[in-house]
Amino acid sequence: MKRFLFLIFLFSMLPAESAVIACDAPQDSIGKQILYNGRVWRNLYQHIDGTQFLLSPDFLNGSVTMNGTTFNSRELMLKLDLINDELLLLTDKGSTLQLNKQMVDRFTLSHNKQQLLFRNLEADSLSDLKGYVHVIHDGKTALYVKYKKEIRLRDGPGDRDTFIQTQRIYLVKDGIAHQVRNRKNIVRLLKDRKAEVKDFIRTSHVRFSGSNPGSVAPLLKYYDKLK
């Protein structure tokens, strides 16, 4: 027991960026103790049409960083519950675990040959943005998408309650998150370089699309270089 506690102490002293562990580590490993930190998840919405998850009702391959330790392997399967804003893990025993949100730093999900990066943001008194956000751009400025699902109640007899998904896009500048709905909002936030920004938009044909927030990522990369 003393030897086990000593190993935990040594592990906690490692630099965060140096700790990378495969999720198929032995069940009694310190890495597994960190990864399997959470509680058993149960589906409370089986009677609702659709899915409460992002991208797919199925588990997706990905990676997760918990307290600075990154777990990454082909067998690591995750999905994001948008109703409760919780990250779920498929264990090697076949059960579903809701990971301890206070320990999750970031994670990735692979879907349609793309890898999406998510961060776990702490609550901020200056913004309503918190929890798991999709990272579109992360530099001197940042662009995040916050996804959410709600339940739309049935309209009448014979209908079923259904999930509906919404999203909000936030531009973070000088540490403050601003919700943006169109290109005009973005230009206003970047007004300290307004002339250069407008010229870049014109020459690069930048368009703002709620369905494709990444369309403004080149503009933010350009703006960051100006800063």
Protein backbone atom coordinates (compact mmCIF):
# COMPACT_ATOMS: atom_id res chain seq x y z
CA MET A 1 0.00 0.00 0.00
CA LYS A 2 2.85 2.38 0.88
CA ARG A 3 4.54 1.56 -2.42
CA PHE A 4 1.33 2.33 -4.34
CA LEU A 5 0.93 5.70 -2.59
CA PHE A 6 4.57 6.49 -3.33
CA LEU A 7 4.02 5.77 -7.02
CA ILE A 8 1.01 8.09 -7.09
CA PHE A 9 3.14 10.83 -5.52
CA LEU A 10 5.87 10.35 -8.14
CA PHE A 11 3.30 10.41 -10.95
CA SER A 12 1.79 13.66 -9.68
CA MET A 13 5.22 15.32 -9.84
CA LEU A 14 5.66 14.65 -13.56
CA PRO A 15 5.27 17.64 -15.93
CA ALA A 16 1.79 17.58 -17.47
CA GLU A 17 3.06 17.58 -21.04
CA SER A 18 5.22 14.51 -20.40
CA ALA A 19 2.43 12.25 -19.20
CA VAL A 20 0.97 10.32 -22.15
CA ILE A 21 -0.63 6.96 -21.42
CA ALA A 22 -2.38 4.47 -23.69
CA CYS A 23 -5.91 3.76 -22.58
CA ASP A 24 -5.28 0.03 -22.83
CA ALA A 25 -2.86 0.18 -19.89
CA PRO A 26 -3.27 -2.56 -17.25
CA GLN A 27 -6.38 -2.30 -15.14
CA ASP A 28 -4.37 -1.73 -11.96
CA SER A 29 -2.09 0.93 -13.47
CA ILE A 30 -1.99 4.46 -12.14
CA GLY A 31 -3.04 5.66 -15.60
CA LYS A 32 -6.24 3.63 -15.48
CA GLN A 33 -6.96 4.98 -12.01
CA ILE A 34 -6.89 8.49 -13.49
CA LEU A 35 -8.84 7.69 -16.66
CA TYR A 36 -11.63 5.73 -14.98
CA ASN A 37 -12.58 8.62 -12.72
CA GLY A 38 -16.30 9.25 -12.82
CA ARG A 39 -19.56 7.46 -12.35
CA VAL A 40 -21.63 4.93 -14.26
CA TRP A 41 -23.87 6.64 -16.83
CA ARG A 42 -27.47 5.64 -17.43
CA ASN A 43 -29.68 6.70 -20.31
CA LEU A 44 -32.63 8.66 -18.94
CA TYR A 45 -33.98 9.69 -22.35
CA GLN A 46 -34.78 6.45 -24.15
CA HIS A 47 -38.31 7.65 -24.89
CA ILE A 48 -37.08 10.73 -26.81
CA ASP A 49 -36.74 10.66 -30.60
CA GLY A 50 -33.26 11.36 -31.94
CA THR A 51 -30.02 11.43 -30.01
CA GLN A 52 -28.73 13.56 -27.17
CA PHE A 53 -25.16 13.22 -28.43
CA LEU A 54 -23.02 15.35 -30.73
CA LEU A 55 -22.30 14.09 -34.26
CA SER A 56 -23.46 10.49 -33.72
CA PRO A 57 -25.33 8.28 -31.27
CA ASP A 58 -22.34 5.92 -31.44
CA PHE A 59 -19.08 6.16 -29.55
CA LEU A 60 -16.31 7.87 -31.53
CA ASN A 61 -12.58 7.35 -31.40
CA GLY A 62 -10.75 10.16 -29.63
CA SER A 63 -8.37 11.24 -26.93
CA VAL A 64 -8.81 12.88 -23.54
CA THR A 65 -6.53 14.87 -21.25
CA MET A 66 -7.33 14.65 -17.55
CA ASN A 67 -5.36 16.73 -15.05
CA GLY A 68 -2.61 17.11 -17.64
CA THR A 69 -2.36 13.40 -18.49
CA THR A 70 -3.28 12.54 -22.09
CA PHE A 71 -4.87 9.20 -22.96
CA ASN A 72 -4.77 8.35 -26.63
CA SER A 73 -5.19 5.02 -28.39
CA ARG A 74 -7.26 3.41 -31.12
CA GLU A 75 -9.46 1.77 -28.50
CA LEU A 76 -10.41 4.95 -26.65
CA MET A 77 -14.10 5.59 -27.41
CA LEU A 78 -15.96 8.74 -26.37
CA LYS A 79 -19.14 10.69 -26.97
CA LEU A 80 -20.42 14.07 -25.82
CA ASP A 81 -23.82 14.26 -24.11
CA LEU A 82 -25.21 17.66 -25.12
CA ILE A 83 -28.23 17.53 -22.82
CA ASN A 84 -26.06 17.43 -19.71
CA ASP A 85 -22.77 18.70 -21.20
CA GLU A 86 -20.94 15.57 -20.04
CA LEU A 87 -18.21 13.46 -21.65
CA LEU A 88 -18.82 9.70 -21.73
CA LEU A 89 -16.24 6.93 -22.00
CA LEU A 90 -16.76 3.33 -23.09
CA THR A 91 -14.74 1.22 -20.64
CA ASP A 92 -12.90 -2.00 -21.50
CA LYS A 93 -15.66 -3.83 -19.61
CA GLY A 94 -18.34 -2.46 -21.94
CA SER A 95 -19.93 -0.07 -19.44
CA THR A 96 -20.41 3.66 -20.00
CA LEU A 97 -18.66 6.03 -17.62
CA GLN A 98 -19.45 9.71 -17.19
CA LEU A 99 -16.01 11.22 -16.69
CA ASN A 100 -15.29 13.53 -13.77
CA LYS A 101 -15.74 16.91 -15.43
CA GLN A 102 -13.50 18.67 -12.94
CA MET A 103 -10.59 16.53 -14.15
CA VAL A 104 -11.14 16.85 -17.92
CA ASP A 105 -8.93 19.50 -19.54
CA ARG A 106 -9.64 18.79 -23.19
CA PHE A 107 -10.54 15.98 -25.58
CA THR A 108 -10.84 15.15 -29.26
CA LEU A 109 -13.46 13.32 -31.32
CA SER A 110 -12.82 11.80 -34.74
CA HIS A 111 -15.70 11.97 -37.22
CA ASN A 112 -15.81 11.78 -41.03
CA LYS A 113 -12.00 11.83 -41.25
CA GLN A 114 -11.83 14.99 -39.17
CA GLN A 115 -10.59 15.46 -35.62
CA LEU A 116 -12.48 17.97 -33.51
CA LEU A 117 -10.83 19.54 -30.46
CA PHE A 118 -12.79 20.49 -27.33
CA ARG A 119 -11.76 22.38 -24.21
CA ASN A 120 -13.36 22.47 -20.79
CA LEU A 121 -13.83 26.10 -19.78
CA GLU A 122 -14.38 27.19 -16.21
CA ALA A 123 -17.26 29.51 -15.36
CA ASP A 124 -16.39 33.18 -15.86
CA SER A 125 -18.27 36.10 -14.34
CA LEU A 126 -17.68 38.08 -17.56
CA SER A 127 -19.35 35.52 -19.82
CA ASP A 128 -21.98 32.79 -19.86
CA LEU A 129 -19.56 30.57 -21.76
CA LYS A 130 -18.52 27.52 -19.76
CA GLY A 131 -18.17 23.76 -20.03
CA TYR A 132 -17.15 21.84 -23.16
CA VAL A 133 -16.59 24.01 -26.24
CA HIS A 134 -15.45 23.13 -29.76
CA VAL A 135 -12.18 24.94 -30.51
CA ILE A 136 -12.17 26.41 -34.03
CA HIS A 137 -9.22 28.76 -33.56
CA ASP A 138 -6.95 29.24 -30.55
CA GLY A 139 -4.33 31.98 -30.68
CA LYS A 140 -4.17 35.53 -29.36
CA THR A 141 -7.85 35.46 -30.20
CA ALA A 142 -10.00 32.33 -30.03
CA LEU A 143 -13.17 31.09 -31.69
CA TYR A 144 -15.33 28.58 -29.86
CA VAL A 145 -18.63 26.88 -30.61
CA LYS A 146 -20.90 25.87 -27.75
CA TYR A 147 -23.34 23.10 -28.68
CA LYS A 148 -26.49 22.34 -26.74
CA LYS A 149 -29.49 20.07 -27.04
CA GLU A 150 -32.93 20.52 -25.56
CA ILE A 151 -36.12 18.49 -25.61
CA ARG A 152 -38.98 19.75 -27.75
CA LEU A 153 -42.21 18.45 -26.29
CA ARG A 154 -44.69 16.72 -28.58
CA ASP A 155 -47.32 18.86 -30.27
CA GLY A 156 -50.21 16.44 -30.01
CA PRO A 157 -51.39 12.84 -29.61
CA GLY A 158 -49.27 10.37 -31.52
CA ASP A 159 -46.27 12.68 -31.61
CA ARG A 160 -43.10 12.05 -29.63
CA ASP A 161 -40.79 14.37 -27.78
CA THR A 162 -37.65 15.08 -29.84
CA PHE A 163 -34.16 16.47 -29.34
CA ILE A 164 -33.28 19.78 -30.96
CA GLN A 165 -29.72 21.06 -31.26
CA THR A 166 -28.59 24.67 -31.06
CA GLN A 167 -25.18 26.31 -31.11
CA ARG A 168 -23.62 29.62 -30.19
CA ILE A 169 -20.37 31.00 -31.59
CA TYR A 170 -18.02 33.00 -29.40
CA LEU A 171 -15.01 35.12 -30.27
CA VAL A 172 -12.62 35.53 -27.36
CA LYS A 173 -10.54 38.71 -27.39
CA ASP A 174 -8.46 40.05 -24.51
CA GLY A 175 -9.78 37.26 -22.33
CA ILE A 176 -13.46 38.15 -22.83
CA ALA A 177 -15.88 35.93 -24.76
CA HIS A 178 -18.30 37.72 -27.10
CA GLN A 179 -21.14 35.92 -28.84
CA VAL A 180 -21.06 36.61 -32.58
CA ARG A 181 -23.93 36.10 -35.00
CA ASN A 182 -22.58 37.61 -38.21
CA ARG A 183 -19.48 39.03 -39.88
CA LYS A 184 -20.40 42.53 -38.77
CA ASN A 185 -20.09 41.46 -35.11
CA ILE A 186 -16.61 40.11 -35.80
CA VAL A 187 -15.40 43.25 -37.63
CA ARG A 188 -16.63 45.37 -34.74
CA LEU A 189 -14.62 43.31 -32.25
CA LEU A 190 -11.50 43.64 -34.42
CA LYS A 191 -11.96 47.38 -34.95
CA ASP A 192 -8.44 48.25 -33.72
CA ARG A 193 -7.26 46.83 -37.08
CA LYS A 194 -10.40 47.66 -39.00
CA ALA A 195 -8.77 48.74 -42.27
CA GLU A 196 -6.54 45.66 -42.51
CA VAL A 197 -9.38 43.36 -41.47
CA LYS A 198 -11.77 44.71 -44.08
CA ASP A 199 -9.08 44.49 -46.76
CA PHE A 200 -8.36 40.85 -45.84
CA ILE A 201 -12.06 40.00 -45.93
CA ARG A 202 -12.38 41.51 -49.39
CA THR A 203 -9.26 39.96 -50.91
CA SER A 204 -9.67 36.55 -49.27
CA HIS A 205 -13.46 36.40 -49.77
CA VAL A 206 -14.08 35.59 -46.11
CA ARG A 207 -17.66 34.58 -45.37
CA PHE A 208 -19.30 34.01 -42.01
CA SER A 209 -21.47 30.92 -41.77
CA GLY A 210 -23.13 29.59 -38.66
CA SER A 211 -23.02 26.12 -40.17
CA ASN A 212 -19.30 26.50 -40.90
CA PRO A 213 -17.68 28.68 -38.20
CA GLY A 214 -14.26 27.65 -39.46
CA SER A 215 -14.82 29.96 -42.43
CA VAL A 216 -13.54 32.92 -40.35
CA ALA A 217 -10.51 31.10 -38.89
CA PRO A 218 -8.17 32.51 -41.62
CA LEU A 219 -9.27 36.03 -40.66
CA LEU A 220 -8.45 35.47 -37.00
CA LYS A 221 -5.06 33.96 -37.84
CA TYR A 222 -4.31 37.05 -39.92
CA TYR A 223 -5.49 39.38 -37.14
CA ASP A 224 -3.33 37.55 -34.57
CA LYS A 225 -0.25 38.17 -36.74
CA LEU A 226 -1.09 41.88 -36.81
CA LYS A 227 -1.21 41.89 -33.02
